[in-house]
């Protein structure tokens, strides 16, 4: 029996671009369905930039998850 890891329907490229250009507003979190933390990032300007940078690095490393806990990976 083969154990497959499911990936999110959201793409890494889109998530990374949204985070890079609009990370301070949490747009990338809204995109992956994390509305609550997206609002928190919006109100704190991306944790004064730190939270957005951490998210950007996690996206590029393939460690960022969507609202269902699925990894946001490369373009499918």
N, C-alpha and C. Protein backbone atom coordinates (compact mmCIF):
# COMPACT_ATOMS: atom_id res chain seq x y z
N UNK A 1 0.84 -1.18 0.00
CA UNK A 1 0.00 0.00 0.00
C UNK A 1 0.89 1.24 0.00
N UNK A 2 0.62 2.13 -0.90
CA UNK A 2 1.44 3.31 -1.08
C UNK A 2 0.90 4.47 -0.25
N UNK A 3 1.76 5.11 0.51
CA UNK A 3 1.38 6.24 1.35
C UNK A 3 1.66 7.53 0.60
N UNK A 4 0.59 8.20 0.13
CA UNK A 4 0.76 9.43 -0.62
C UNK A 4 0.46 10.63 0.27
N UNK A 5 1.29 11.64 0.12
CA UNK A 5 1.06 12.89 0.84
C UNK A 5 0.25 13.80 -0.07
N UNK A 6 -0.87 14.28 0.45
CA UNK A 6 -1.70 15.17 -0.33
C UNK A 6 -1.16 16.59 -0.25
N UNK A 7 -1.22 17.27 -1.37
CA UNK A 7 -0.83 18.67 -1.41
C UNK A 7 -2.06 19.53 -1.62
N UNK A 8 -1.96 20.77 -1.24
CA UNK A 8 -3.03 21.74 -1.40
C UNK A 8 -3.32 21.99 -2.87
N UNK A 9 -4.53 22.45 -3.15
CA UNK A 9 -4.88 22.86 -4.51
C UNK A 9 -4.26 24.21 -4.84
N UNK A 10 -3.85 24.94 -3.83
CA UNK A 10 -3.21 26.25 -4.03
C UNK A 10 -1.77 26.04 -4.47
N UNK A 11 -1.29 26.92 -5.34
CA UNK A 11 0.06 26.74 -5.87
C UNK A 11 1.08 27.57 -5.11
N UNK A 12 2.29 27.05 -5.07
CA UNK A 12 3.38 27.72 -4.38
C UNK A 12 3.71 29.05 -5.05
N UNK A 13 3.71 29.07 -6.36
CA UNK A 13 4.08 30.28 -7.09
C UNK A 13 3.13 31.43 -6.76
N UNK A 14 1.84 31.17 -6.84
CA UNK A 14 0.86 32.21 -6.55
C UNK A 14 0.95 32.66 -5.10
N UNK A 15 1.07 31.70 -4.18
CA UNK A 15 1.17 32.03 -2.76
C UNK A 15 2.41 32.87 -2.48
N UNK A 16 3.54 32.48 -3.07
CA UNK A 16 4.79 33.22 -2.86
C UNK A 16 4.71 34.64 -3.42
N UNK A 17 4.12 34.79 -4.60
CA UNK A 17 4.00 36.12 -5.20
C UNK A 17 3.08 37.02 -4.36
N UNK A 18 1.96 36.46 -3.91
CA UNK A 18 1.06 37.23 -3.06
C UNK A 18 1.74 37.65 -1.77
N UNK A 19 2.51 36.73 -1.19
CA UNK A 19 3.22 37.03 0.05
C UNK A 19 4.29 38.09 -0.17
N UNK A 20 5.03 37.98 -1.26
CA UNK A 20 6.11 38.92 -1.54
C UNK A 20 5.58 40.34 -1.75
N UNK A 21 4.52 40.46 -2.56
CA UNK A 21 4.03 41.79 -2.90
C UNK A 21 2.98 42.33 -1.93
N UNK A 22 2.19 41.45 -1.31
CA UNK A 22 1.10 41.89 -0.45
C UNK A 22 1.12 41.22 0.92
N UNK A 23 2.28 40.73 1.33
CA UNK A 23 2.41 40.01 2.60
C UNK A 23 2.04 40.83 3.81
N UNK A 24 2.30 42.11 3.77
CA UNK A 24 1.96 42.98 4.88
C UNK A 24 0.46 43.09 5.12
N UNK A 25 -0.31 42.73 4.10
CA UNK A 25 -1.77 42.76 4.23
C UNK A 25 -2.35 41.36 4.42
N UNK A 26 -1.49 40.34 4.44
CA UNK A 26 -1.95 38.98 4.68
C UNK A 26 -2.72 38.35 3.54
N UNK A 27 -2.60 38.89 2.34
CA UNK A 27 -3.38 38.40 1.20
C UNK A 27 -3.09 36.93 0.91
N UNK A 28 -1.85 36.50 1.08
CA UNK A 28 -1.50 35.11 0.82
C UNK A 28 -2.24 34.17 1.77
N UNK A 29 -2.50 34.61 2.99
CA UNK A 29 -3.23 33.79 3.96
C UNK A 29 -4.71 33.71 3.58
N UNK A 30 -5.28 34.78 3.09
CA UNK A 30 -6.65 34.72 2.59
C UNK A 30 -6.72 33.74 1.42
N UNK A 31 -5.73 33.78 0.54
CA UNK A 31 -5.68 32.91 -0.64
C UNK A 31 -5.70 31.43 -0.26
N UNK A 32 -4.99 31.04 0.79
CA UNK A 32 -4.95 29.63 1.19
C UNK A 32 -6.07 29.27 2.17
N UNK A 33 -6.95 30.22 2.48
CA UNK A 33 -8.11 29.93 3.30
C UNK A 33 -7.95 30.21 4.79
N UNK A 34 -6.83 30.79 5.17
CA UNK A 34 -6.59 31.11 6.58
C UNK A 34 -7.07 32.53 6.86
N UNK A 35 -8.39 32.68 6.93
CA UNK A 35 -8.99 34.01 7.04
C UNK A 35 -8.65 34.66 8.38
N UNK A 36 -8.74 33.93 9.46
CA UNK A 36 -8.47 34.50 10.79
C UNK A 36 -7.08 35.08 10.90
N UNK A 37 -6.07 34.32 10.50
CA UNK A 37 -4.70 34.84 10.58
C UNK A 37 -4.44 35.88 9.50
N UNK A 38 -5.21 35.82 8.41
CA UNK A 38 -5.11 36.86 7.38
C UNK A 38 -5.56 38.20 7.93
N UNK A 39 -6.66 38.19 8.69
CA UNK A 39 -7.14 39.42 9.32
C UNK A 39 -6.12 39.93 10.34
N UNK A 40 -5.55 39.00 11.11
CA UNK A 40 -4.53 39.39 12.09
C UNK A 40 -3.33 40.03 11.40
N UNK A 41 -2.90 39.46 10.27
CA UNK A 41 -1.77 40.06 9.55
C UNK A 41 -2.16 41.41 8.97
N UNK A 42 -3.38 41.54 8.51
CA UNK A 42 -3.84 42.81 7.96
C UNK A 42 -3.82 43.89 9.03
N UNK A 43 -4.27 43.57 10.22
CA UNK A 43 -4.33 44.55 11.30
C UNK A 43 -2.96 44.90 11.89
N UNK A 44 -1.98 43.99 11.75
CA UNK A 44 -0.65 44.24 12.30
C UNK A 44 0.40 44.52 11.23
N UNK A 45 -0.08 44.73 10.00
CA UNK A 45 0.82 44.96 8.85
C UNK A 45 1.83 43.82 8.71
N UNK A 46 1.32 42.62 8.76
CA UNK A 46 2.19 41.44 8.61
C UNK A 46 3.10 41.25 9.79
N UNK A 47 2.60 41.57 10.99
CA UNK A 47 3.45 41.47 12.18
C UNK A 47 4.64 42.40 12.07
N UNK A 48 4.36 43.62 11.57
CA UNK A 48 5.39 44.63 11.29
C UNK A 48 6.45 44.09 10.32
N UNK A 49 6.00 43.24 9.42
CA UNK A 49 6.87 42.71 8.38
C UNK A 49 7.51 41.38 8.72
N UNK A 50 7.70 41.11 10.01
CA UNK A 50 8.39 39.88 10.43
C UNK A 50 7.57 38.64 10.07
N UNK A 51 6.29 38.66 10.39
CA UNK A 51 5.41 37.52 10.12
C UNK A 51 5.37 37.22 8.62
N UNK A 52 5.27 38.27 7.81
CA UNK A 52 5.23 38.09 6.36
C UNK A 52 6.54 37.49 5.84
N UNK A 53 7.66 37.90 6.39
CA UNK A 53 8.96 37.36 5.95
C UNK A 53 9.07 35.89 6.33
N UNK A 54 8.65 35.56 7.55
CA UNK A 54 8.68 34.15 7.98
C UNK A 54 7.79 33.31 7.08
N UNK A 55 6.59 33.81 6.77
CA UNK A 55 5.70 33.08 5.87
C UNK A 55 6.35 32.89 4.50
N UNK A 56 6.99 33.94 3.98
CA UNK A 56 7.61 33.86 2.65
C UNK A 56 8.69 32.78 2.62
N UNK A 57 9.51 32.73 3.64
CA UNK A 57 10.55 31.71 3.71
C UNK A 57 9.92 30.31 3.80
N UNK A 58 8.89 30.16 4.62
CA UNK A 58 8.22 28.86 4.76
C UNK A 58 7.58 28.42 3.45
N UNK A 59 7.03 29.37 2.69
CA UNK A 59 6.44 29.04 1.39
C UNK A 59 7.53 28.52 0.46
N UNK A 60 8.64 29.23 0.38
CA UNK A 60 9.73 28.83 -0.52
C UNK A 60 10.34 27.48 -0.13
N UNK A 61 10.34 27.16 1.17
CA UNK A 61 10.88 25.88 1.63
C UNK A 61 9.86 24.74 1.53
N UNK A 62 8.62 25.06 1.13
CA UNK A 62 7.59 24.04 1.00
C UNK A 62 7.02 23.58 2.32
N UNK A 63 7.06 24.44 3.33
CA UNK A 63 6.58 24.11 4.67
C UNK A 63 5.28 24.84 5.03
N UNK A 64 4.73 25.61 4.11
CA UNK A 64 3.53 26.41 4.38
C UNK A 64 2.29 25.56 4.08
N UNK A 65 1.31 25.60 4.98
CA UNK A 65 0.10 24.79 4.83
C UNK A 65 -1.13 25.66 4.64
N UNK A 66 -2.13 25.08 3.96
CA UNK A 66 -3.39 25.79 3.78
C UNK A 66 -4.30 25.56 4.98
N UNK A 67 -5.55 26.00 4.88
CA UNK A 67 -6.48 25.89 6.00
C UNK A 67 -6.87 24.46 6.33
N UNK A 68 -6.63 23.54 5.42
CA UNK A 68 -6.94 22.11 5.66
C UNK A 68 -5.73 21.34 6.15
N UNK A 69 -4.61 22.03 6.32
CA UNK A 69 -3.39 21.38 6.79
C UNK A 69 -2.59 20.72 5.69
N UNK A 70 -2.94 21.00 4.43
CA UNK A 70 -2.23 20.43 3.29
C UNK A 70 -1.11 21.37 2.86
N UNK A 71 0.03 20.80 2.50
CA UNK A 71 1.18 21.61 2.09
C UNK A 71 0.93 22.31 0.76
N UNK A 72 1.30 23.58 0.70
CA UNK A 72 1.26 24.34 -0.54
C UNK A 72 2.57 24.03 -1.25
N UNK A 73 2.48 23.27 -2.32
CA UNK A 73 3.68 22.82 -3.03
C UNK A 73 3.71 23.41 -4.43
N UNK A 74 4.61 22.91 -5.25
CA UNK A 74 4.80 23.39 -6.61
C UNK A 74 3.54 23.32 -7.43
N UNK A 75 3.58 23.91 -8.60
CA UNK A 75 2.42 23.95 -9.49
C UNK A 75 2.07 22.55 -9.96
N UNK A 76 0.80 22.19 -9.81
CA UNK A 76 0.35 20.87 -10.23
C UNK A 76 -0.18 20.91 -11.62
